[in-house]
Amino acid sequence: MKLNIKDSFNNELPSDSNRQNSRRQVYESTHSYVTPRVPSHPKLIHASKEMAEAIGLDEADIKSTEFLEVFSGAKVYPKTKPFAMAYAGHQFGNWAGQLGDGRAINLFEVENKAKRWAIQLKGSGETPYSRQGDGLAVLRSSIREYLCSEAMYHLGVPTTRALSLMLTGDDVLRDILYNGNSDYEKGAIVSRLAPTFIRFGNFELFAARKDIKNLKKLTDYSIKYFYPELGKPSKETYIQFFKEVSNRTLEMIIHWQRVGFVHGVMNTDNMSILGLTIDYGPYGWLEDFNFGWTPNTTDSQNKRYRYGNQPNMGLWNLLQLANALYPLIEEAAPIEAVLEQYQIDFKQQSLKMMRSKIGLQVEVEYDEKLMADLEDCLLLSETDMTIFFRTLSNYKIGSPEKGVDIVQQSFYKPEEVKDEILNQWKGWFNTYDQRLQEEDLSHEARKQNMNVVNPKYVLRNYMAQLAIDKADEGDYKLIDQLFQLLKKPYDNQPENDKWFAKRPDWARDKVGCSMLSCSS
């Protein structure tokens, strides 16, 4: 197994001089060197051939002993120095101070086909940033991260990727609902990849400590490798850097809203400077369309990170990044202009995205009201978001009276869609029918356009939980079945139609299928 190692982060940025792996505050450093914990009996459960090829490996490499050893943490790849990153962050709106990679260890960076990949192990042992944690991860959360990373990519959502999923052979003690009922679970490790794992919190750490020298080093490094088109460091470059991060963050969140994805933990330490979905914890897809839904038990009271609030949280997090970068810019007006533009762009792009979901290309003044009225209808009774928009593509002009029948499959309780609710839906379909008549596309062309933005298959929590339950029994076939299914989320896959279905009743309140904790 031969990799083209091109380490830059740990070679060009300041490292922690203390080489002891002890919990501590780390100053004037972007990272601390740490060796992954050696698992007792590592076992490869699944690997992505696509991502193996992306870093220059083939199928024979995946099957090799070295692959097993390196990507389980049992062996350090020659001439590399694994490390954990230092960062801070705001968690649920509160300043948390130093955080850092508490259960992630960066192995190395690889360059292949003109692309750079940083590769991490999540769940490979404690680091100086583990705080009260053990640095480990369980099979349950590892399956969710592994499957979701790749599912999101194929949905067209900017995301980190996943290379491999492994068992460690060691049991890990977890309190899944934080209710005092701890139990042992199977330990696991996900190998995940991204061009970089730098987060908003990396900048916040230095800014909070008034360490402007290292704040500048980190920012210059980020621009050099990930925004080289911005040119040499300067005040104007830093403003443009912030603007690009803002644009990518907005693009990512628009995609989340499009497919009904709820991140669940939009803390600043979980926000990528590349606008990638990062850190898959208590995430979920909307089952019924509900702006107030969050999958996170920790957030169940305040619902800060609910579906409808994700765009606002993106803006709030960008404000924290702006505060961190301010010492390099020393001027508020250009930063404020970027944040104001975010709000303008979100409104425009959100409307454009919703137009695409219901098959509209022409921009008409009253489209905003059409969308608002649709959202009101979706909230009248429990309505599956994914199924609704997918089946809406079957609607043909001139048949508004059949509209409700066409999307009937999306209603959790069809018997409730009557009287005033039914009349409101009929009113919307009448308006929608008139609106479609202002378009030039044929029914088939419109349907095709809608079906490339409205997925048929998403990784619903109950699907992931079924795979977890099977894996706990030693059966990993469903992991691969879902992995293959979610590679083509927009395609009709008749053999997989059982997954194009509403959440079953048994999953409504089952742990892991509705609400989840941050426990992993």
Protein backbone atom coordinates (compact mmCIF):
# COMPACT_ATOMS: atom_id res chain seq x y z
CA MET A 1 0.00 0.00 0.00
CA LYS A 2 1.69 3.16 -1.20
CA LEU A 3 0.36 6.64 -0.48
CA ASN A 4 1.65 9.97 -1.77
CA ILE A 5 2.07 11.72 1.58
CA LYS A 6 2.06 15.52 1.37
CA ASP A 7 1.71 16.71 4.94
CA SER A 8 1.36 20.46 5.26
CA PHE A 9 -0.76 21.31 8.31
CA ASN A 10 1.57 19.75 10.85
CA ASN A 11 4.70 20.80 8.94
CA GLU A 12 3.87 24.46 8.33
CA LEU A 13 1.89 25.39 11.43
CA PRO A 14 3.07 25.57 15.08
CA SER A 15 2.87 22.33 17.06
CA ASP A 16 2.46 21.73 20.76
CA SER A 17 5.92 21.26 22.33
CA ASN A 18 4.46 19.02 25.06
CA ARG A 19 4.44 15.46 23.69
CA GLN A 20 2.57 13.93 26.62
CA ASN A 21 -0.94 12.74 25.88
CA SER A 22 -2.55 14.40 28.90
CA ARG A 23 -5.66 16.60 29.11
CA ARG A 24 -4.55 20.20 29.17
CA GLN A 25 -4.87 23.68 27.77
CA VAL A 26 -2.67 24.00 24.69
CA TYR A 27 -1.32 27.44 23.79
CA GLU A 28 0.25 28.97 20.68
CA SER A 29 -0.25 25.75 18.73
CA THR A 30 -2.59 24.50 16.04
CA HIS A 31 -2.13 20.85 16.98
CA SER A 32 -0.63 18.28 19.34
CA TYR A 33 1.12 15.11 18.22
CA VAL A 34 -0.57 11.96 19.45
CA THR A 35 -0.46 8.29 18.54
CA PRO A 36 -3.74 6.41 17.94
CA ARG A 37 -4.71 3.77 20.46
CA VAL A 38 -3.98 0.26 19.20
CA PRO A 39 -7.25 -1.70 18.94
CA SER A 40 -7.29 -5.25 20.30
CA HIS A 41 -8.89 -7.00 17.32
CA PRO A 42 -9.51 -4.63 14.40
CA LYS A 43 -11.88 -5.83 11.72
CA LEU A 44 -12.85 -4.13 8.48
CA ILE A 45 -16.63 -3.98 8.09
CA HIS A 46 -16.88 -1.84 4.97
CA ALA A 47 -14.74 0.37 2.75
CA SER A 48 -15.51 2.82 -0.02
CA LYS A 49 -13.74 1.79 -3.22
CA GLU A 50 -14.43 5.25 -4.61
CA MET A 51 -12.60 6.99 -1.79
CA ALA A 52 -9.80 4.43 -1.80
CA GLU A 53 -9.23 5.28 -5.46
CA ALA A 54 -9.39 8.98 -4.62
CA ILE A 55 -6.30 8.63 -2.43
CA GLY A 56 -4.50 6.29 -4.82
CA LEU A 57 -5.42 2.84 -3.50
CA ASP A 58 -7.06 -0.12 -5.21
CA GLU A 59 -9.14 -3.10 -4.15
CA ALA A 60 -6.08 -5.17 -3.34
CA ASP A 61 -4.89 -2.43 -0.99
CA ILE A 62 -8.25 -2.44 0.81
CA LYS A 63 -7.88 -6.16 1.46
CA SER A 64 -4.31 -5.80 2.70
CA THR A 65 -3.14 -6.15 6.27
CA GLU A 66 -1.51 -2.74 6.07
CA PHE A 67 -4.84 -1.06 5.20
CA LEU A 68 -6.41 -2.73 8.22
CA GLU A 69 -3.56 -1.66 10.49
CA VAL A 70 -3.19 1.94 9.30
CA PHE A 71 -6.88 2.81 9.15
CA SER A 72 -7.68 1.19 12.48
CA GLY A 73 -4.84 3.02 14.23
CA ALA A 74 -2.88 -0.17 14.94
CA LYS A 75 0.10 1.06 12.92
CA VAL A 76 1.42 4.51 12.03
CA TYR A 77 2.16 4.89 8.33
CA PRO A 78 5.92 5.37 7.72
CA LYS A 79 7.31 8.89 8.00
CA THR A 80 4.07 10.43 9.26
CA LYS A 81 3.20 12.11 12.56
CA PRO A 82 -0.45 11.79 13.62
CA PHE A 83 -1.92 14.75 15.48
CA ALA A 84 -5.04 16.21 17.04
CA MET A 85 -6.14 19.72 16.11
CA ALA A 86 -6.65 22.51 18.63
CA TYR A 87 -9.75 24.66 18.31
CA ALA A 88 -12.39 26.37 20.42
CA GLY A 89 -16.03 27.10 19.80
CA HIS A 90 -19.47 28.29 20.74
CA GLN A 91 -21.70 25.39 21.74
CA PHE A 92 -25.46 25.99 21.74
CA GLY A 93 -24.70 29.72 21.71
CA ASN A 94 -22.32 29.70 24.67
CA TRP A 95 -18.58 30.18 24.58
CA ALA A 96 -16.98 26.84 25.47
CA GLY A 97 -13.30 27.81 25.28
CA GLN A 98 -10.76 25.24 24.10
CA LEU A 99 -12.30 22.12 22.58
CA GLY A 100 -10.14 20.41 19.95
CA ASP A 101 -10.13 16.93 18.45
CA GLY A 102 -11.31 14.93 21.43
CA ARG A 103 -11.87 11.67 19.55
CA ALA A 104 -10.37 12.37 16.13
CA ILE A 105 -6.75 11.88 15.17
CA ASN A 106 -5.37 13.19 11.89
CA LEU A 107 -3.13 10.58 10.29
CA PHE A 108 -1.66 12.42 7.31
CA GLU A 109 -2.42 14.31 4.12
CA VAL A 110 -2.40 12.62 0.74
CA GLU A 111 -2.12 14.19 -2.69
CA ASN A 112 -3.56 12.27 -5.63
CA LYS A 113 -4.78 13.40 -9.06
CA ALA A 114 -4.12 17.04 -8.11
CA LYS A 115 -6.38 16.77 -5.05
CA ARG A 116 -5.39 17.02 -1.41
CA TRP A 117 -7.02 14.83 1.22
CA ALA A 118 -6.57 15.06 4.99
CA ILE A 119 -7.38 11.71 6.58
CA GLN A 120 -8.65 11.27 10.13
CA LEU A 121 -9.59 8.41 12.39
CA LYS A 122 -12.65 9.09 14.52
CA GLY A 123 -12.77 6.96 17.65
CA SER A 124 -9.10 6.10 17.84
CA GLY A 125 -8.37 7.12 21.42
CA GLU A 126 -7.80 10.00 23.74
CA THR A 127 -5.97 13.21 22.92
CA PRO A 128 -5.01 16.29 24.94
CA TYR A 129 -8.45 17.64 23.94
CA SER A 130 -10.57 14.72 25.11
CA ARG A 131 -11.58 16.48 28.35
CA GLN A 132 -13.68 13.95 30.30
CA GLY A 133 -14.11 11.68 27.26
CA ASP A 134 -12.27 8.51 26.34
CA GLY A 135 -11.65 9.45 22.70
CA LEU A 136 -13.48 6.36 21.48
CA ALA A 137 -16.55 5.84 19.32
CA VAL A 138 -19.17 3.12 19.17
CA LEU A 139 -20.42 1.08 16.24
CA ARG A 140 -23.83 2.78 16.38
CA SER A 141 -22.58 6.30 15.72
CA SER A 142 -19.81 5.11 13.40
CA ILE A 143 -22.28 3.40 11.06
CA ARG A 144 -24.36 6.58 10.99
CA GLU A 145 -21.35 8.75 10.12
CA TYR A 146 -19.98 6.31 7.54
CA LEU A 147 -23.24 5.90 5.66
CA CYS A 148 -24.31 9.53 5.91
CA SER A 149 -21.03 11.02 4.66
CA GLU A 150 -21.29 9.09 1.44
CA ALA A 151 -25.08 9.48 1.13
CA MET A 152 -24.77 13.27 1.39
CA TYR A 153 -22.09 13.36 -1.29
CA HIS A 154 -24.29 11.51 -3.75
CA LEU A 155 -27.19 13.82 -2.90
CA GLY A 156 -24.98 16.68 -4.10
CA VAL A 157 -24.51 18.16 -0.62
CA PRO A 158 -21.02 19.46 0.25
CA THR A 159 -19.62 17.06 2.82
CA THR A 160 -16.64 15.31 4.33
CA ARG A 161 -16.23 11.77 2.99
CA ALA A 162 -15.65 8.33 4.51
CA LEU A 163 -13.08 5.71 3.58
CA SER A 164 -13.61 2.83 5.98
CA LEU A 165 -15.62 1.50 8.89
CA MET A 166 -13.90 -0.83 11.35
CA LEU A 167 -14.61 -2.64 14.57
CA THR A 168 -11.90 -2.27 17.22
CA GLY A 169 -12.69 -5.44 19.15
CA ASP A 170 -13.00 -3.35 22.31
CA ASP A 171 -16.18 -2.51 24.21
CA VAL A 172 -16.98 1.12 24.99
CA LEU A 173 -19.15 2.37 27.86
CA ARG A 174 -21.84 4.85 26.80
CA ASP A 175 -24.95 6.44 28.26
CA ILE A 176 -26.96 6.75 25.04
CA LEU A 177 -29.70 9.02 26.44
CA TYR A 178 -27.70 10.67 29.24
CA ASN A 179 -30.17 9.26 31.77
CA GLY A 180 -27.79 7.30 33.97
CA ASN A 181 -28.25 3.99 32.16
CA SER A 182 -24.77 3.35 30.83
CA ASP A 183 -24.00 0.17 28.95
CA TYR A 184 -21.18 -1.34 26.93
CA GLU A 185 -21.31 -1.12 23.14
CA LYS A 186 -19.02 -2.31 20.38
CA GLY A 187 -16.16 0.07 19.67
CA ALA A 188 -15.58 1.24 16.11
CA ILE A 189 -13.51 3.63 14.01
CA VAL A 190 -14.43 5.61 10.92
CA SER A 191 -11.72 6.85 8.63
CA ARG A 192 -12.95 10.13 7.20
CA LEU A 193 -11.53 12.50 4.62
CA ALA A 194 -11.73 16.12 3.55
CA PRO A 195 -9.37 18.58 1.87
CA THR A 196 -9.07 20.03 5.37
CA PHE A 197 -10.83 19.69 8.71
CA ILE A 198 -10.17 23.31 9.72
CA ARG A 199 -13.24 24.79 11.43
CA PHE A 200 -14.46 28.21 12.50
CA GLY A 201 -13.34 27.23 15.98
CA ASN A 202 -9.68 26.99 14.94
CA PHE A 203 -9.69 30.74 14.37
CA GLU A 204 -11.79 31.46 17.45
CA LEU A 205 -9.21 29.81 19.69
CA PHE A 206 -6.40 32.17 18.71
CA ALA A 207 -8.62 35.26 18.59
CA ALA A 208 -9.99 34.59 22.09
CA ARG A 209 -6.43 34.37 23.40
CA LYS A 210 -5.35 37.44 21.45
CA ASP A 211 -2.72 35.31 19.75
CA ILE A 212 -2.77 37.35 16.55
CA LYS A 213 0.53 35.95 15.29
CA ASN A 214 -0.82 32.42 15.08
CA LEU A 215 -4.25 33.60 13.95
CA LYS A 216 -2.50 35.11 10.94
CA LYS A 217 -0.43 31.97 10.33
CA LEU A 218 -3.56 29.82 10.31
CA THR A 219 -5.46 32.20 8.03
CA ASP A 220 -2.56 32.52 5.61
CA TYR A 221 -2.21 28.74 5.54
CA SER A 222 -5.92 28.31 4.83
CA ILE A 223 -5.79 30.78 1.95
CA LYS A 224 -2.59 29.29 0.51
CA TYR A 225 -3.97 25.76 0.26
CA PHE A 226 -7.72 26.16 -0.05
CA TYR A 227 -8.34 29.61 -1.50
CA PRO A 228 -5.17 30.25 -3.54
CA GLU A 229 -7.13 32.24 -6.12
CA LEU A 230 -7.45 35.05 -3.54
CA GLY A 231 -3.74 35.85 -3.83
CA LYS A 232 -1.18 36.93 -1.27
CA PRO A 233 -2.22 37.76 2.31
CA SER A 234 -3.54 41.29 2.83
CA LYS A 235 -6.48 42.97 4.49
CA GLU A 236 -8.45 42.72 1.26
CA THR A 237 -7.54 39.04 0.92
CA TYR A 238 -8.82 38.34 4.43
CA ILE A 239 -12.12 40.07 3.61
CA GLN A 240 -12.44 38.00 0.44
CA PHE A 241 -11.59 34.87 2.41
CA PHE A 242 -14.43 35.58 4.81
CA LYS A 243 -16.76 36.27 1.89
CA GLU A 244 -15.90 32.94 0.23
CA VAL A 245 -16.43 31.02 3.47
CA SER A 246 -19.77 32.79 3.85
CA ASN A 247 -20.82 31.89 0.31
CA ARG A 248 -19.88 28.23 0.76
CA THR A 249 -21.63 28.03 4.11
CA LEU A 250 -24.81 29.41 2.56
CA GLU A 251 -24.60 26.98 -0.37
CA MET A 252 -24.25 24.05 2.03
CA ILE A 253 -27.26 25.10 4.12
CA ILE A 254 -29.43 25.65 1.02
CA HIS A 255 -28.66 22.04 0.10
CA TRP A 256 -29.58 20.92 3.63
CA GLN A 257 -32.93 22.66 3.32
CA ARG A 258 -33.49 21.20 -0.14
CA VAL A 259 -33.17 17.58 0.96
CA GLY A 260 -34.63 18.07 4.45
CA PHE A 261 -31.40 17.38 6.35
CA VAL A 262 -31.04 18.62 9.93
CA HIS A 263 -27.50 18.72 11.28
CA GLY A 264 -28.49 18.85 14.93
CA VAL A 265 -25.26 20.36 16.32
CA MET A 266 -24.39 23.53 14.41
CA ASN A 267 -21.80 24.68 16.94
CA THR A 268 -18.96 26.81 15.57
CA ASP A 269 -16.53 23.94 16.13
CA ASN A 270 -18.66 21.91 13.69
CA MET A 271 -18.51 24.47 10.87
CA SER A 272 -16.01 23.85 8.08
CA ILE A 273 -14.14 26.70 6.39
CA LEU A 274 -14.82 24.90 3.10
CA GLY A 275 -18.58 24.85 3.62
CA LEU A 276 -18.61 21.07 4.11
CA THR A 277 -21.08 19.18 6.28
CA ILE A 278 -18.84 18.00 9.09
CA ASP A 279 -19.27 15.93 12.28
CA TYR A 280 -22.27 13.67 11.84
CA GLY A 281 -23.72 13.31 15.32
CA PRO A 282 -27.45 13.49 16.08
CA TYR A 283 -28.47 14.37 12.53
CA GLY A 284 -31.68 13.40 10.78
CA TRP A 285 -33.90 13.93 7.76
CA LEU A 286 -37.34 15.42 8.13
CA GLU A 287 -39.90 12.67 8.18
CA ASP A 288 -42.88 14.99 8.38
CA PHE A 289 -42.33 18.55 7.14
CA ASN A 290 -41.74 20.52 10.33
CA PHE A 291 -39.69 23.71 10.67
CA GLY A 292 -39.41 23.11 14.42
CA TRP A 293 -37.91 19.64 14.32
CA THR A 294 -34.47 18.83 15.69
CA PRO A 295 -33.03 15.31 16.05
CA ASN A 296 -30.90 16.29 19.05
CA THR A 297 -32.17 15.38 22.54
CA THR A 298 -29.73 17.93 24.00
CA ASP A 299 -31.50 20.63 21.98
CA SER A 300 -35.06 19.39 22.52
CA GLN A 301 -36.08 22.25 24.81
CA ASN A 302 -34.71 25.32 23.03
CA LYS A 303 -34.55 23.79 19.53
CA ARG A 304 -31.77 26.17 18.57
CA TYR A 305 -30.68 23.93 15.71
CA ARG A 306 -34.14 23.06 14.39
CA TYR A 307 -34.66 22.65 10.63
CA GLY A 308 -36.17 26.08 10.08
CA ASN A 309 -33.44 27.84 12.04
CA GLN A 310 -30.40 26.39 10.23
CA PRO A 311 -30.00 29.40 7.88
CA ASN A 312 -30.05 31.77 10.88
CA MET A 313 -27.53 29.61 12.71
CA GLY A 314 -25.26 29.72 9.68
CA LEU A 315 -25.35 33.50 9.88
CA TRP A 316 -24.78 33.51 13.65
CA ASN A 317 -21.78 31.22 13.28
CA LEU A 318 -20.36 33.37 10.50
CA LEU A 319 -20.61 36.35 12.84
CA GLN A 320 -18.43 34.48 15.33
CA LEU A 321 -15.90 33.74 12.57
CA ALA A 322 -16.01 37.41 11.60
CA ASN A 323 -15.21 38.39 15.19
CA ALA A 324 -12.27 35.98 15.14
CA LEU A 325 -10.90 37.38 11.87
CA TYR A 326 -11.48 41.01 12.85
CA PRO A 327 -7.95 41.54 14.27
CA LEU A 328 -6.60 40.86 10.76
CA ILE A 329 -9.08 43.20 9.06
CA GLU A 330 -9.61 45.90 11.71
CA GLU A 331 -12.59 47.31 9.87
CA ALA A 332 -16.23 46.43 10.56
CA ALA A 333 -17.95 47.74 7.43
CA PRO A 334 -16.71 45.13 4.90
CA ILE A 335 -17.48 42.30 7.33
CA GLU A 336 -20.97 43.65 7.95
CA ALA A 337 -21.49 43.90 4.20
CA VAL A 338 -20.70 40.19 3.79
CA LEU A 339 -23.12 39.24 6.57
CA GLU A 340 -25.86 41.43 5.09
CA GLN A 341 -25.27 39.87 1.67
CA TYR A 342 -25.68 36.42 3.22
CA GLN A 343 -29.20 37.35 4.27
CA ILE A 344 -30.07 38.77 0.84
CA ASP A 345 -28.59 35.77 -0.95
CA PHE A 346 -30.33 33.29 1.30
CA LYS A 347 -33.74 34.72 0.50
CA GLN A 348 -33.03 34.67 -3.25
CA GLN A 349 -31.37 31.24 -3.33
CA SER A 350 -33.97 29.68 -1.09
CA LEU A 351 -36.74 30.80 -3.42
CA LYS A 352 -34.76 29.57 -6.42
CA MET A 353 -34.27 26.21 -4.71
CA MET A 354 -37.97 25.89 -3.90
CA ARG A 355 -38.87 26.76 -7.49
CA SER A 356 -36.69 23.89 -8.67
CA LYS A 357 -38.36 21.52 -6.21
CA ILE A 358 -41.80 22.17 -7.66
CA GLY A 359 -40.66 22.32 -11.29
CA LEU A 360 -40.61 26.04 -12.03
CA GLN A 361 -38.00 27.75 -14.20
CA VAL A 362 -39.57 31.11 -14.99
CA GLU A 363 -39.42 33.68 -12.19
CA VAL A 364 -42.84 35.11 -11.37
CA GLU A 365 -43.53 37.77 -8.77
CA TYR A 366 -46.08 35.81 -6.73
CA ASP A 367 -43.89 32.67 -6.47
CA GLU A 368 -42.91 33.60 -2.91
CA LYS A 369 -46.57 33.46 -1.86
CA LEU A 370 -47.02 30.17 -3.73
CA MET A 371 -44.17 28.67 -1.69
CA ALA A 372 -45.47 30.10 1.59
CA ASP A 373 -48.92 28.69 0.88
CA LEU A 374 -47.39 25.30 0.07
CA GLU A 375 -45.49 25.29 3.35
CA ASP A 376 -48.72 26.14 5.18
CA CYS A 377 -50.40 23.15 3.52
CA LEU A 378 -47.51 20.83 4.39
CA LEU A 379 -47.95 21.81 8.04
CA LEU A 380 -51.68 21.06 8.13
CA SER A 381 -51.12 17.38 8.84
CA GLU A 382 -48.13 15.09 9.15
CA THR A 383 -46.65 14.99 5.63
CA ASP A 384 -43.49 13.20 4.56
CA MET A 385 -41.25 15.77 2.91
CA THR A 386 -39.21 13.41 0.72
CA ILE A 387 -42.23 11.51 -0.60
CA PHE A 388 -44.32 14.64 -1.16
CA PHE A 389 -41.83 16.41 -3.42
CA ARG A 390 -40.90 13.23 -5.25
CA THR A 391 -44.51 12.31 -6.03
CA LEU A 392 -45.40 15.91 -6.92
CA SER A 393 -43.38 15.42 -10.12
CA ASN A 394 -46.20 13.14 -11.35
CA TYR A 395 -48.64 16.05 -11.44
CA LYS A 396 -49.92 17.00 -14.91
CA ILE A 397 -51.32 20.37 -15.91
CA GLY A 398 -55.09 20.55 -16.05
CA SER A 399 -55.91 18.16 -13.22
CA PRO A 400 -55.84 20.14 -9.94
CA GLU A 401 -58.69 18.01 -8.59
CA LYS A 402 -56.31 15.02 -8.72
CA GLY A 403 -53.44 16.80 -6.97
CA VAL A 404 -54.13 15.49 -3.47
CA ASP A 405 -54.50 11.95 -4.81
CA ILE A 406 -51.12 12.18 -6.53
CA VAL A 407 -49.32 13.04 -3.28
CA GLN A 408 -51.56 10.86 -1.07
CA GLN A 409 -48.67 8.52 -0.30
CA SER A 410 -46.91 11.29 1.62
CA PHE A 411 -49.62 11.74 4.27
CA TYR A 412 -49.03 9.85 7.50
CA LYS A 413 -52.75 9.99 8.31
CA PRO A 414 -54.63 10.34 4.98
CA GLU A 415 -57.93 10.23 6.83
CA GLU A 416 -57.12 13.64 8.33
CA VAL A 417 -56.90 15.27 4.90
CA LYS A 418 -60.54 16.25 4.66
CA ASP A 419 -62.88 19.22 5.12
CA GLU A 420 -60.89 22.45 5.64
CA ILE A 421 -57.51 20.74 5.21
CA LEU A 422 -58.62 19.19 1.93
CA ASN A 423 -60.06 22.50 0.71
CA GLN A 424 -56.79 24.30 1.47
CA TRP A 425 -54.84 21.69 -0.48
CA LYS A 426 -57.26 21.94 -3.40
CA GLY A 427 -56.83 25.71 -3.40
CA TRP A 428 -53.08 25.35 -3.57
CA PHE A 429 -53.22 22.84 -6.44
CA ASN A 430 -55.50 25.19 -8.38
CA THR A 431 -52.96 28.00 -8.02
CA TYR A 432 -50.08 25.62 -8.81
CA ASP A 433 -51.86 24.44 -11.94
CA GLN A 434 -52.31 28.02 -13.16
CA ARG A 435 -48.67 28.76 -12.36
CA LEU A 436 -47.43 25.75 -14.35
CA GLN A 437 -49.26 27.09 -17.38
CA GLU A 438 -46.80 29.99 -17.44
CA GLU A 439 -43.95 27.51 -18.01
CA ASP A 440 -42.77 26.19 -21.38
CA LEU A 441 -41.56 22.75 -20.32
CA SER A 442 -43.36 19.55 -21.20
CA HIS A 443 -44.58 17.35 -18.36
CA GLU A 444 -41.76 14.84 -18.93
CA ALA A 445 -39.07 17.55 -19.00
CA ARG A 446 -40.44 19.13 -15.82
CA LYS A 447 -40.64 15.75 -14.10
CA GLN A 448 -37.05 15.00 -15.04
CA ASN A 449 -35.90 18.36 -13.67
CA MET A 450 -37.78 17.82 -10.41
CA ASN A 451 -36.42 14.32 -9.95
CA VAL A 452 -32.81 15.51 -10.00
CA VAL A 453 -33.37 17.88 -7.06
CA ASN A 454 -35.92 15.85 -5.07
CA PRO A 455 -34.32 12.58 -3.92
CA LYS A 456 -36.29 9.38 -3.82
CA TYR A 457 -34.07 7.83 -1.16
CA VAL A 458 -32.47 9.43 1.88
CA LEU A 459 -30.86 7.85 4.94
CA ARG A 460 -33.85 7.99 7.25
CA ASN A 461 -32.96 7.37 10.89
CA TYR A 462 -34.95 4.15 11.05
CA MET A 463 -33.00 2.78 8.06
CA ALA A 464 -29.70 3.52 9.77
CA GLN A 465 -31.04 1.98 12.98
CA LEU A 466 -32.00 -1.24 11.18
CA ALA A 467 -28.43 -1.48 9.88
CA ILE A 468 -27.10 -0.81 13.39
CA ASP A 469 -29.32 -3.50 14.92
CA LYS A 470 -28.16 -6.05 12.33
CA ALA A 471 -24.51 -5.06 12.80
CA ASP A 472 -24.83 -5.55 16.55
CA GLU A 473 -25.74 -9.15 15.70
CA GLY A 474 -22.68 -9.47 13.46
CA ASP A 475 -24.62 -9.09 10.20
CA TYR A 476 -23.19 -6.28 8.05
CA LYS A 477 -25.07 -6.94 4.80
CA LEU A 478 -27.60 -4.14 5.34
CA ILE A 479 -24.78 -1.60 5.68
CA ASP A 480 -23.65 -2.47 2.17
CA GLN A 481 -27.22 -2.54 0.82
CA LEU A 482 -27.88 0.97 2.10
CA PHE A 483 -24.45 2.13 0.95
CA GLN A 484 -25.24 0.98 -2.61
CA LEU A 485 -28.82 2.29 -2.52
CA LEU A 486 -27.74 5.77 -1.47
CA LYS A 487 -25.18 6.05 -4.24
CA LYS A 488 -28.09 6.77 -6.60
CA PRO A 489 -30.63 8.63 -4.46
CA TYR A 490 -32.37 10.30 -7.41
CA ASP A 491 -32.81 7.16 -9.51
CA ASN A 492 -35.88 4.97 -9.62
CA GLN A 493 -34.72 1.68 -8.16
CA PRO A 494 -37.75 -0.64 -8.36
CA GLU A 495 -35.90 -3.37 -6.48
CA ASN A 496 -35.49 -0.94 -3.56
CA ASP A 497 -38.96 0.59 -3.44
CA LYS A 498 -39.41 -0.68 0.11
CA TRP A 499 -37.11 2.17 1.17
CA PHE A 500 -39.33 4.75 -0.56
CA ALA A 501 -41.74 4.72 2.32
CA LYS A 502 -42.78 6.75 5.32
CA ARG A 503 -41.23 6.08 8.70
CA PRO A 504 -42.96 2.99 10.14
CA ASP A 505 -45.02 3.40 13.31
CA TRP A 506 -42.62 1.25 15.33
CA ALA A 507 -39.86 3.79 14.65
CA ARG A 508 -41.80 6.86 15.74
CA ASP A 509 -40.51 6.85 19.32
CA LYS A 510 -37.75 4.23 19.16
CA VAL A 511 -34.33 5.35 20.40
CA GLY A 512 -32.14 6.10 17.38
CA CYS A 513 -35.09 6.54 15.01
CA SER A 514 -36.48 9.86 16.15
CA MET A 515 -34.35 11.75 18.64
CA LEU A 516 -30.66 11.10 19.23
CA SER A 517 -28.06 12.29 21.69
CA CYS A 518 -24.51 13.44 21.05
CA SER A 519 -23.30 10.22 22.69
CA SER A 520 -20.99 8.30 20.37
